[in-house]
Amino acid sequence: MFSKSYRRIAVAFILVFIAMYVFRIIYGYCYKGRQYDESGSNSFLSGVVKHRKNYASEKIKSLGPANAAPASIAGNQKYEKVANVRSKSSHFTEDEKQLHSTIKKFDAIIQYQQESGNKGAREIQMLIGVSPEKFDSFYLATQGIGVIKSTEITKTDKTNEYRKLNATKVSLEKSLASFNGLKAKEGKIEDFIALHNKIYEVETELQGLGVELGNFDTENEFCTVQFSMYEGAAEKPISFVTRLKVALEWTIKYYGVLVASVFFAAAAAWVILKLILLVNTFIASQKKV
């Protein structure tokens, strides 16, 4: 009876060991590790983009009624297009030179650049402005630099924002003209001071608005490429024997932890059970007395 129970327990422990070993081998193939904090680099460059806007425009056709022929009257769509390329390089100096050569080849401009780290752990982050017609070609060219870890393109329509800015500009210009017209009329000195302050506020708003609208000018049209590259040794394939060895070491370690946990849990349960029995026996003996 007891021999059969012990045999079943032994078989159960062996099966658990085998299951953990197989799991660790599979996990080793599936898990690639995280050697670089790409999200930090991405969010950092995104923060820079918020302060340096690049916009472009393209003609869009407006369609007439369903039963009418398409109208060829075109309008300008204003949009923001941002590509994000993250790369790893085992030949950092050569790949950095290739990056600068690619930028020059496509007549792109570096709007922001930061380099950090010592040799063996260097990193470069760039914000690159590219003309809209060369954007796709440049984006593909950057994917030949280093080993690409991730890419992303985001296009956001800015037409309504552009129209609102223009509408605000017209409104402010009308207000400024009205305020300037009041300067010719007679009034108290306090009123003229208040009027002067109001004119100054409107002119300041118009200047800020002019800067924002300047980003939409056709001569300033660019699309954005965020490029970040970090230095790392070339990844070598892990042999099957090494995977088996690592998996065995991991399994022995955590299997020991599991067995010890089960043993102590069983011992604690046995002690608690004995205490409960002793308490019950004591209570029963007191009742008889």
C-alpha atoms as a PDB file:
ATOM      1  CA  MET A   1       0.000   0.000   0.000  1.00  0.00           C
ATOM      2  CA  PHE A   2       2.655   2.476   1.094  1.00  0.00           C
ATOM      3  CA  SER A   3       5.078   1.357  -1.613  1.00  0.00           C
ATOM      4  CA  LYS A   4       2.507   2.143  -4.296  1.00  0.00           C
ATOM      5  CA  SER A   5       1.849   5.594  -2.797  1.00  0.00           C
ATOM      6  CA  TYR A   6       5.553   6.384  -2.631  1.00  0.00           C
ATOM      7  CA  ARG A   7       5.963   5.198  -6.203  1.00  0.00           C
ATOM      8  CA  ARG A   8       3.205   7.507  -7.388  1.00  0.00           C
ATOM      9  CA  ILE A   9       4.709  10.442  -5.517  1.00  0.00           C
ATOM     10  CA  ALA A  10       8.154   9.720  -7.027  1.00  0.00           C
ATOM     11  CA  VAL A  11       6.670   9.499 -10.522  1.00  0.00           C
ATOM     12  CA  ALA A  12       4.834  12.798  -9.980  1.00  0.00           C
ATOM     13  CA  PHE A  13       8.069  14.562  -8.928  1.00  0.00           C
ATOM     14  CA  ILE A  14       9.931  13.130 -11.930  1.00  0.00           C
ATOM     15  CA  LEU A  15       7.192  14.301 -14.315  1.00  0.00           C
ATOM     16  CA  VAL A  16       7.304  17.777 -12.777  1.00  0.00           C
ATOM     17  CA  PHE A  17      11.097  17.888 -13.300  1.00  0.00           C
ATOM     18  CA  ILE A  18      10.748  16.809 -16.946  1.00  0.00           C
ATOM     19  CA  ALA A  19       7.952  19.345 -17.538  1.00  0.00           C
ATOM     20  CA  MET A  20      10.065  22.174 -16.092  1.00  0.00           C
ATOM     21  CA  TYR A  21      13.075  21.115 -18.204  1.00  0.00           C
ATOM     22  CA  VAL A  22      11.058  21.013 -21.447  1.00  0.00           C
ATOM     23  CA  PHE A  23       9.415  24.334 -20.606  1.00  0.00           C
ATOM     24  CA  ARG A  24      12.814  26.000 -20.088  1.00  0.00           C
ATOM     25  CA  ILE A  25      14.126  24.711 -23.424  1.00  0.00           C
ATOM     26  CA  ILE A  26      11.067  26.044 -25.279  1.00  0.00           C
ATOM     27  CA  TYR A  27      11.296  29.342 -23.388  1.00  0.00           C
ATOM     28  CA  GLY A  28      14.944  29.708 -24.450  1.00  0.00           C
ATOM     29  CA  TYR A  29      13.932  29.546 -28.125  1.00  0.00           C
ATOM     30  CA  CYS A  30      10.985  31.904 -27.763  1.00  0.00           C
ATOM     31  CA  TYR A  31      12.498  34.582 -25.534  1.00  0.00           C
ATOM     32  CA  LYS A  32      14.900  36.959 -27.285  1.00  0.00           C
ATOM     33  CA  GLY A  33      15.737  39.090 -24.302  1.00  0.00           C
ATOM     34  CA  ARG A  34      15.715  42.847 -23.971  1.00  0.00           C
ATOM     35  CA  GLN A  35      19.171  44.298 -24.336  1.00  0.00           C
ATOM     36  CA  TYR A  36      18.177  47.848 -25.123  1.00  0.00           C
ATOM     37  CA  ASP A  37      15.561  50.219 -23.840  1.00  0.00           C
ATOM     38  CA  GLU A  38      14.080  51.254 -27.182  1.00  0.00           C
ATOM     39  CA  SER A  39      10.997  52.802 -25.616  1.00  0.00           C
ATOM     40  CA  GLY A  40      13.123  55.339 -23.735  1.00  0.00           C
ATOM     41  CA  SER A  41      14.895  56.399 -26.896  1.00  0.00           C
ATOM     42  CA  ASN A  42      11.619  56.636 -28.767  1.00  0.00           C
ATOM     43  CA  SER A  43       9.868  58.750 -26.126  1.00  0.00           C
ATOM     44  CA  PHE A  44      12.903  61.034 -25.896  1.00  0.00           C
ATOM     45  CA  LEU A  45      12.889  61.747 -29.634  1.00  0.00           C
ATOM     46  CA  SER A  46       9.108  62.141 -29.555  1.00  0.00           C
ATOM     47  CA  GLY A  47       9.582  64.855 -26.938  1.00  0.00           C
ATOM     48  CA  VAL A  48      11.950  66.688 -29.297  1.00  0.00           C
ATOM     49  CA  VAL A  49       9.436  66.351 -32.168  1.00  0.00           C
ATOM     50  CA  LYS A  50       6.841  68.225 -30.100  1.00  0.00           C
ATOM     51  CA  HIS A  51       9.100  71.276 -30.210  1.00  0.00           C
ATOM     52  CA  ARG A  52      10.172  70.879 -33.855  1.00  0.00           C
ATOM     53  CA  LYS A  53       7.253  70.434 -36.230  1.00  0.00           C
ATOM     54  CA  ASN A  54       7.584  69.459 -39.864  1.00  0.00           C
ATOM     55  CA  TYR A  55       4.559  69.715 -42.132  1.00  0.00           C
ATOM     56  CA  ALA A  56       3.921  68.952 -45.782  1.00  0.00           C
ATOM     57  CA  SER A  57       1.046  69.344 -48.216  1.00  0.00           C
ATOM     58  CA  GLU A  58      -0.441  67.464 -51.122  1.00  0.00           C
ATOM     59  CA  LYS A  59      -3.284  68.144 -53.493  1.00  0.00           C
ATOM     60  CA  ILE A  60      -6.570  66.390 -52.844  1.00  0.00           C
ATOM     61  CA  LYS A  61      -9.482  66.111 -55.236  1.00  0.00           C
ATOM     62  CA  SER A  62     -12.939  67.067 -54.060  1.00  0.00           C
ATOM     63  CA  LEU A  63     -15.779  64.918 -55.360  1.00  0.00           C
ATOM     64  CA  GLY A  64     -19.099  66.365 -56.429  1.00  0.00           C
ATOM     65  CA  PRO A  65     -22.520  64.728 -55.940  1.00  0.00           C
ATOM     66  CA  ALA A  66     -22.838  60.986 -56.483  1.00  0.00           C
ATOM     67  CA  ASN A  67     -24.480  61.458 -59.899  1.00  0.00           C
ATOM     68  CA  ALA A  68     -21.959  64.048 -61.062  1.00  0.00           C
ATOM     69  CA  ALA A  69     -18.507  63.610 -62.569  1.00  0.00           C
ATOM     70  CA  PRO A  70     -15.526  63.995 -60.199  1.00  0.00           C
ATOM     71  CA  ALA A  71     -14.419  67.583 -59.938  1.00  0.00           C
ATOM     72  CA  SER A  72     -10.800  68.303 -60.627  1.00  0.00           C
ATOM     73  CA  ILE A  73     -10.819  71.261 -58.301  1.00  0.00           C
ATOM     74  CA  ALA A  74      -8.025  70.458 -55.879  1.00  0.00           C
ATOM     75  CA  GLY A  75      -7.296  71.640 -52.403  1.00  0.00           C
ATOM     76  CA  ASN A  76      -4.208  71.325 -50.248  1.00  0.00           C
ATOM     77  CA  GLN A  77      -4.119  68.780 -47.479  1.00  0.00           C
ATOM     78  CA  LYS A  78      -1.680  69.699 -44.739  1.00  0.00           C
ATOM     79  CA  TYR A  79      -0.235  66.736 -42.892  1.00  0.00           C
ATOM     80  CA  GLU A  80       2.505  65.653 -40.536  1.00  0.00           C
ATOM     81  CA  LYS A  81       4.393  62.470 -41.432  1.00  0.00           C
ATOM     82  CA  VAL A  82       6.821  60.912 -38.962  1.00  0.00           C
ATOM     83  CA  ALA A  83       8.881  57.740 -39.436  1.00  0.00           C
ATOM     84  CA  ASN A  84      10.628  56.049 -36.539  1.00  0.00           C
ATOM     85  CA  VAL A  85      13.606  53.773 -37.250  1.00  0.00           C
ATOM     86  CA  ARG A  86      15.513  51.990 -34.468  1.00  0.00           C
ATOM     87  CA  SER A  87      18.680  50.116 -35.348  1.00  0.00           C
ATOM     88  CA  LYS A  88      21.477  48.135 -33.723  1.00  0.00           C
ATOM     89  CA  SER A  89      25.043  48.199 -35.046  1.00  0.00           C
ATOM     90  CA  SER A  90      28.082  46.008 -34.477  1.00  0.00           C
ATOM     91  CA  HIS A  91      30.097  48.355 -36.759  1.00  0.00           C
ATOM     92  CA  PHE A  92      29.018  51.645 -35.252  1.00  0.00           C
ATOM     93  CA  THR A  93      31.598  53.988 -36.833  1.00  0.00           C
ATOM     94  CA  GLU A  94      31.043  52.656 -40.364  1.00  0.00           C
ATOM     95  CA  ASP A  95      27.246  52.699 -40.009  1.00  0.00           C
ATOM     96  CA  GLU A  96      27.309  56.252 -38.639  1.00  0.00           C
ATOM     97  CA  LYS A  97      29.304  57.359 -41.701  1.00  0.00           C
ATOM     98  CA  GLN A  98      26.777  55.588 -43.934  1.00  0.00           C
ATOM     99  CA  LEU A  99      23.960  57.415 -42.147  1.00  0.00           C
ATOM    100  CA  HIS A 100      25.541  60.843 -42.783  1.00  0.00           C
ATOM    101  CA  SER A 101      26.251  59.870 -46.390  1.00  0.00           C
ATOM    102  CA  THR A 102      22.598  58.860 -46.867  1.00  0.00           C
ATOM    103  CA  ILE A 103      21.410  62.156 -45.376  1.00  0.00           C
ATOM    104  CA  LYS A 104      23.629  64.088 -47.781  1.00  0.00           C
ATOM    105  CA  LYS A 105      22.574  61.947 -50.751  1.00  0.00           C
ATOM    106  CA  PHE A 106      18.886  62.763 -50.248  1.00  0.00           C
ATOM    107  CA  ASP A 107      19.499  66.457 -49.437  1.00  0.00           C
ATOM    108  CA  ALA A 108      17.966  65.938 -46.004  1.00  0.00           C
ATOM    109  CA  ILE A 109      18.807  68.121 -43.008  1.00  0.00           C
ATOM    110  CA  ILE A 110      19.706  67.162 -39.441  1.00  0.00           C
ATOM    111  CA  GLN A 111      17.396  69.111 -37.156  1.00  0.00           C
ATOM    112  CA  TYR A 112      18.539  67.475 -33.953  1.00  0.00           C
ATOM    113  CA  GLN A 113      21.424  65.162 -33.053  1.00  0.00           C
ATOM    114  CA  GLN A 114      22.652  63.625 -29.814  1.00  0.00           C
ATOM    115  CA  GLU A 115      25.461  61.121 -29.317  1.00  0.00           C
ATOM    116  CA  SER A 116      26.206  59.392 -26.016  1.00  0.00           C
ATOM    117  CA  GLY A 117      28.104  56.464 -24.500  1.00  0.00           C
ATOM    118  CA  ASN A 118      31.658  55.182 -24.740  1.00  0.00           C
ATOM    119  CA  LYS A 119      33.045  52.851 -27.379  1.00  0.00           C
ATOM    120  CA  GLY A 120      31.238  49.533 -27.217  1.00  0.00           C
ATOM    121  CA  ALA A 121      28.047  51.124 -25.870  1.00  0.00           C
ATOM    122  CA  ARG A 122      27.546  54.179 -28.062  1.00  0.00           C
ATOM    123  CA  GLU A 123      24.214  55.564 -29.172  1.00  0.00           C
ATOM    124  CA  ILE A 124      23.131  58.194 -31.674  1.00  0.00           C
ATOM    125  CA  GLN A 125      19.726  59.848 -31.980  1.00  0.00           C
ATOM    126  CA  MET A 126      18.727  62.051 -34.884  1.00  0.00           C
ATOM    127  CA  LEU A 127      15.772  64.079 -36.005  1.00  0.00           C
ATOM    128  CA  ILE A 128      15.990  64.380 -39.801  1.00  0.00           C
ATOM    129  CA  GLY A 129      13.913  66.585 -42.076  1.00  0.00           C
ATOM    130  CA  VAL A 130      13.292  65.124 -45.539  1.00  0.00           C
ATOM    131  CA  SER A 131      11.434  66.638 -48.493  1.00  0.00           C
ATOM    132  CA  PRO A 132       8.077  64.861 -48.995  1.00  0.00           C
ATOM    133  CA  GLU A 133       8.925  63.537 -52.475  1.00  0.00           C
ATOM    134  CA  LYS A 134      12.103  61.879 -51.171  1.00  0.00           C
ATOM    135  CA  PHE A 135      10.662  60.646 -47.882  1.00  0.00           C
ATOM    136  CA  ASP A 136       9.800  57.071 -48.919  1.00  0.00           C
ATOM    137  CA  SER A 137      13.152  56.498 -50.638  1.00  0.00           C
ATOM    138  CA  PHE A 138      15.074  57.920 -47.682  1.00  0.00           C
ATOM    139  CA  TYR A 139      13.038  55.842 -45.233  1.00  0.00           C
ATOM    140  CA  LEU A 140      13.898  52.655 -47.159  1.00  0.00           C
ATOM    141  CA  ALA A 141      17.579  53.658 -47.379  1.00  0.00           C
ATOM    142  CA  THR A 142      17.875  54.045 -43.593  1.00  0.00           C
ATOM    143  CA  GLN A 143      16.699  50.455 -43.178  1.00  0.00           C
ATOM    144  CA  GLY A 144      19.973  49.306 -44.720  1.00  0.00           C
ATOM    145  CA  ILE A 145      21.973  50.846 -41.851  1.00  0.00           C
ATOM    146  CA  GLY A 146      22.821  48.383 -39.090  1.00  0.00           C
ATOM    147  CA  VAL A 147      20.325  45.730 -38.006  1.00  0.00           C
ATOM    148  CA  ILE A 148      16.818  47.182 -37.928  1.00  0.00           C
ATOM    149  CA  LYS A 149      14.966  46.439 -34.689  1.00  0.00           C
ATOM    150  CA  SER A 150      11.740  48.299 -35.369  1.00  0.00           C
ATOM    151  CA  THR A 151      10.142  50.728 -37.826  1.00  0.00           C
ATOM    152  CA  GLU A 152       7.000  52.807 -37.740  1.00  0.00           C
ATOM    153  CA  ILE A 153       5.333  55.503 -39.845  1.00  0.00           C
ATOM    154  CA  THR A 154       2.614  57.836 -38.597  1.00  0.00           C
ATOM    155  CA  LYS A 155       0.716  60.284 -40.798  1.00  0.00           C
ATOM    156  CA  THR A 156      -1.559  62.863 -39.171  1.00  0.00           C
ATOM    157  CA  ASP A 157      -3.888  65.213 -41.028  1.00  0.00           C
ATOM    158  CA  LYS A 158      -3.310  68.863 -40.066  1.00  0.00           C
ATOM    159  CA  THR A 159      -5.636  70.551 -42.571  1.00  0.00           C
ATOM    160  CA  ASN A 160      -8.214  71.657 -39.990  1.00  0.00           C
ATOM    161  CA  GLU A 161      -5.493  72.927 -37.683  1.00  0.00           C
ATOM    162  CA  TYR A 162      -4.037  74.975 -40.553  1.00  0.00           C
ATOM    163  CA  ARG A 163      -7.456  76.436 -41.390  1.00  0.00           C
ATOM    164  CA  LYS A 164      -8.107  77.345 -37.758  1.00  0.00           C
ATOM    165  CA  LEU A 165      -4.760  79.130 -37.539  1.00  0.00           C
ATOM    166  CA  ASN A 166      -5.580  81.149 -40.652  1.00  0.00           C
ATOM    167  CA  ALA A 167      -9.037  81.978 -39.324  1.00  0.00           C
ATOM    168  CA  THR A 168      -7.516  83.124 -36.028  1.00  0.00           C
ATOM    169  CA  LYS A 169      -5.002  85.246 -37.932  1.00  0.00           C
ATOM    170  CA  VAL A 170      -7.776  86.999 -39.903  1.00  0.00           C
ATOM    171  CA  SER A 171      -9.720  87.653 -36.694  1.00  0.00           C
ATOM    172  CA  LEU A 172      -6.660  89.089 -34.922  1.00  0.00           C
ATOM    173  CA  GLU A 173      -5.809  91.302 -37.904  1.00  0.00           C
ATOM    174  CA  LYS A 174      -9.348  92.718 -37.868  1.00  0.00           C
ATOM    175  CA  SER A 175      -9.106  93.364 -34.126  1.00  0.00           C
ATOM    176  CA  LEU A 176      -5.729  95.064 -34.562  1.00  0.00           C
ATOM    177  CA  ALA A 177      -7.083  97.306 -37.332  1.00  0.00           C
ATOM    178  CA  SER A 178     -10.031  98.225 -35.119  1.00  0.00           C
ATOM    179  CA  PHE A 179      -7.796  99.047 -32.154  1.00  0.00           C
ATOM    180  CA  ASN A 180      -5.463 101.129 -34.320  1.00  0.00           C
ATOM    181  CA  GLY A 181      -8.501 103.061 -35.559  1.00  0.00           C
ATOM    182  CA  LEU A 182      -9.364 103.998 -31.962  1.00  0.00           C
ATOM    183  CA  LYS A 183      -5.965 105.671 -31.521  1.00  0.00           C
ATOM    184  CA  ALA A 184      -7.124 108.617 -33.657  1.00  0.00           C
ATOM    185  CA  LYS A 185     -10.055 109.375 -31.323  1.00  0.00           C
ATOM    186  CA  GLU A 186      -9.875 111.510 -28.229  1.00  0.00           C
ATOM    187  CA  GLY A 187     -10.068 110.018 -24.790  1.00  0.00           C
ATOM    188  CA  LYS A 188      -8.559 109.745 -21.336  1.00  0.00           C
ATOM    189  CA  ILE A 189      -4.893 108.896 -20.890  1.00  0.00           C
ATOM    190  CA  GLU A 190      -5.855 105.729 -18.974  1.00  0.00           C
ATOM    191  CA  ASP A 191      -7.914 104.560 -21.944  1.00  0.00           C
ATOM    192  CA  PHE A 192      -4.991 105.140 -24.334  1.00  0.00           C
ATOM    193  CA  ILE A 193      -2.647 103.157 -22.057  1.00  0.00           C
ATOM    194  CA  ALA A 194      -5.144 100.256 -21.923  1.00  0.00           C
ATOM    195  CA  LEU A 195      -5.566 100.489 -25.705  1.00  0.00           C
ATOM    196  CA  HIS A 196      -1.783 100.422 -26.208  1.00  0.00           C
ATOM    197  CA  ASN A 197      -1.489  97.313 -24.005  1.00  0.00           C
ATOM    198  CA  LYS A 198      -4.276  95.617 -25.936  1.00  0.00           C
ATOM    199  CA  ILE A 199      -2.596  96.391 -29.257  1.00  0.00           C
ATOM    200  CA  TYR A 200       0.687  94.986 -27.911  1.00  0.00           C
ATOM    201  CA  GLU A 201      -1.071  91.745 -26.836  1.00  0.00           C
ATOM    202  CA  VAL A 202      -2.682  91.292 -30.259  1.00  0.00           C
ATOM    203  CA  GLU A 203       0.598  91.990 -32.071  1.00  0.00           C
ATOM    204  CA  THR A 204       2.377  89.428 -29.850  1.00  0.00           C
ATOM    205  CA  GLU A 205      -0.301  86.837 -30.632  1.00  0.00           C
ATOM    206  CA  LEU A 206       0.052  87.571 -34.342  1.00  0.00           C
ATOM    207  CA  GLN A 207       3.820  87.091 -34.169  1.00  0.00           C
ATOM    208  CA  GLY A 208       3.429  83.706 -32.474  1.00  0.00           C
ATOM    209  CA  LEU A 209       0.764  82.749 -34.976  1.00  0.00           C
ATOM    210  CA  GLY A 210       3.068  83.764 -37.821  1.00  0.00           C
ATOM    211  CA  VAL A 211       5.724  81.359 -36.535  1.00  0.00           C
ATOM    212  CA  GLU A 212       3.214  78.497 -36.402  1.00  0.00           C
ATOM    213  CA  LEU A 213       1.893  79.267 -39.883  1.00  0.00           C
ATOM    214  CA  GLY A 214       5.471  79.548 -41.131  1.00  0.00           C
ATOM    215  CA  ASN A 215       5.896  75.827 -40.457  1.00  0.00           C
ATOM    216  CA  PHE A 216       3.184  75.209 -43.058  1.00  0.00           C
ATOM    217  CA  ASP A 217       4.843  77.278 -45.806  1.00  0.00           C
ATOM    218  CA  THR A 218       5.629  75.291 -48.941  1.00  0.00           C
ATOM    219  CA  GLU A 219       9.309  76.300 -48.851  1.00  0.00           C
ATOM    220  CA  ASN A 220       9.572  74.823 -45.338  1.00  0.00           C
ATOM    221  CA  GLU A 221       7.863  71.531 -46.176  1.00  0.00           C
ATOM    222  CA  PHE A 222       9.512  68.501 -44.604  1.00  0.00           C
ATOM    223  CA  CYS A 223       8.610  65.067 -43.351  1.00  0.00           C
ATOM    224  CA  THR A 224      10.320  63.765 -40.225  1.00  0.00           C
ATOM    225  CA  VAL A 225      12.501  60.703 -39.729  1.00  0.00           C
ATOM    226  CA  GLN A 226      13.449  59.818 -36.163  1.00  0.00           C
ATOM    227  CA  PHE A 227      16.513  57.618 -36.354  1.00  0.00           C
ATOM    228  CA  SER A 228      18.168  56.021 -33.334  1.00  0.00           C
ATOM    229  CA  MET A 229      21.028  53.516 -33.386  1.00  0.00           C
ATOM    230  CA  TYR A 230      22.823  51.816 -30.517  1.00  0.00           C
ATOM    231  CA  GLU A 231      26.046  49.849 -30.525  1.00  0.00           C
ATOM    232  CA  GLY A 232      26.101  46.145 -29.726  1.00  0.00           C
ATOM    233  CA  ALA A 233      28.090  43.055 -30.595  1.00  0.00           C
ATOM    234  CA  ALA A 234      26.841  40.867 -33.403  1.00  0.00           C
ATOM    235  CA  GLU A 235      24.413  38.243 -32.142  1.00  0.00           C
ATOM    236  CA  LYS A 236      25.779  34.707 -32.372  1.00  0.00           C
ATOM    237  CA  PRO A 237      23.415  31.739 -32.586  1.00  0.00           C
ATOM    238  CA  ILE A 238      23.206  29.672 -29.406  1.00  0.00           C
ATOM    239  CA  SER A 239      24.014  25.989 -29.905  1.00  0.00           C
ATOM    240  CA  PHE A 240      21.518  23.287 -28.961  1.00  0.00           C
ATOM    241  CA  VAL A 241      23.945  21.754 -26.432  1.00  0.00           C
ATOM    242  CA  THR A 242      24.301  25.135 -24.704  1.00  0.00           C
ATOM    243  CA  ARG A 243      20.532  25.478 -24.528  1.00  0.00           C
ATOM    244  CA  LEU A 244      20.243  22.001 -22.959  1.00  0.00           C
ATOM    245  CA  LYS A 245      22.928  22.856 -20.398  1.00  0.00           C
ATOM    246  CA  VAL A 246      21.368  26.190 -19.458  1.00  0.00           C
ATOM    247  CA  ALA A 247      17.916  24.613 -19.249  1.00  0.00           C
ATOM    248  CA  LEU A 248      19.240  21.808 -16.997  1.00  0.00           C
ATOM    249  CA  GLU A 249      20.951  24.266 -14.646  1.00  0.00           C
ATOM    250  CA  TRP A 250      17.802  26.377 -14.431  1.00  0.00           C
ATOM    251  CA  THR A 251      15.596  23.314 -13.843  1.00  0.00           C
ATOM    252  CA  ILE A 252      17.815  21.908 -11.059  1.00  0.00           C
ATOM    253  CA  LYS A 253      17.899  25.266  -9.329  1.00  0.00           C
ATOM    254  CA  TYR A 254      14.183  25.997  -9.388  1.00  0.00           C
ATOM    255  CA  TYR A 255      13.156  22.371  -8.971  1.00  0.00           C
ATOM    256  CA  GLY A 256      15.133  22.352  -5.736  1.00  0.00           C
ATOM    257  CA  VAL A 257      13.306  25.514  -4.660  1.00  0.00           C
ATOM    258  CA  LEU A 258       9.961  23.885  -5.547  1.00  0.00           C
ATOM    259  CA  VAL A 259      10.729  20.637  -3.657  1.00  0.00           C
ATOM    260  CA  ALA A 260      11.947  22.561  -0.617  1.00  0.00           C
ATOM    261  CA  SER A 261       8.794  24.714  -0.675  1.00  0.00           C
ATOM    262  CA  VAL A 262       6.576  21.614  -0.881  1.00  0.00           C
ATOM    263  CA  PHE A 263       8.516  19.935   1.946  1.00  0.00           C
ATOM    264  CA  PHE A 264       8.280  22.931   4.281  1.00  0.00           C
ATOM    265  CA  ALA A 265       4.618  23.447   3.403  1.00  0.00           C
ATOM    266  CA  ALA A 266       3.879  19.783   4.192  1.00  0.00           C
ATOM    267  CA  ALA A 267       5.893  19.979   7.432  1.00  0.00           C
ATOM    268  CA  ALA A 268       4.038  23.133   8.469  1.00  0.00           C
ATOM    269  CA  ALA A 269       0.695  21.493   7.679  1.00  0.00           C
ATOM    270  CA  TRP A 270       1.703  18.417   9.739  1.00  0.00           C
ATOM    271  CA  VAL A 271       2.737  20.580  12.713  1.00  0.00           C
ATOM    272  CA  ILE A 272      -0.501  22.577  12.538  1.00  0.00           C
ATOM    273  CA  LEU A 273      -2.528  19.360  12.330  1.00  0.00           C
ATOM    274  CA  LYS A 274      -0.700  17.928  15.371  1.00  0.00           C
ATOM    275  CA  LEU A 275      -1.344  21.129  17.317  1.00  0.00           C
ATOM    276  CA  ILE A 276      -5.041  21.005  16.433  1.00  0.00           C
ATOM    277  CA  LEU A 277      -5.218  17.369  17.593  1.00  0.00           C
ATOM    278  CA  LEU A 278      -3.442  18.202  20.866  1.00  0.00           C
ATOM    279  CA  VAL A 279      -5.779  21.120  21.500  1.00  0.00           C
ATOM    280  CA  ASN A 280      -8.826  18.952  20.791  1.00  0.00           C
ATOM    281  CA  THR A 281      -7.495  16.217  23.090  1.00  0.00           C
ATOM    282  CA  PHE A 282      -6.845  18.743  25.846  1.00  0.00           C
ATOM    283  CA  ILE A 283     -10.347  20.218  25.497  1.00  0.00           C
ATOM    284  CA  ALA A 284     -11.912  16.734  25.557  1.00  0.00           C
ATOM    285  CA  SER A 285      -9.971  15.792  28.717  1.00  0.00           C
ATOM    286  CA  GLN A 286     -11.075  18.995  30.438  1.00  0.00           C
ATOM    287  CA  LYS A 287     -14.706  18.249  29.666  1.00  0.00           C
ATOM    288  CA  LYS A 288     -14.444  14.782  31.254  1.00  0.00           C
ATOM    289  CA  VAL A 289     -13.010  16.299  34.406  1.00  0.00           C
END
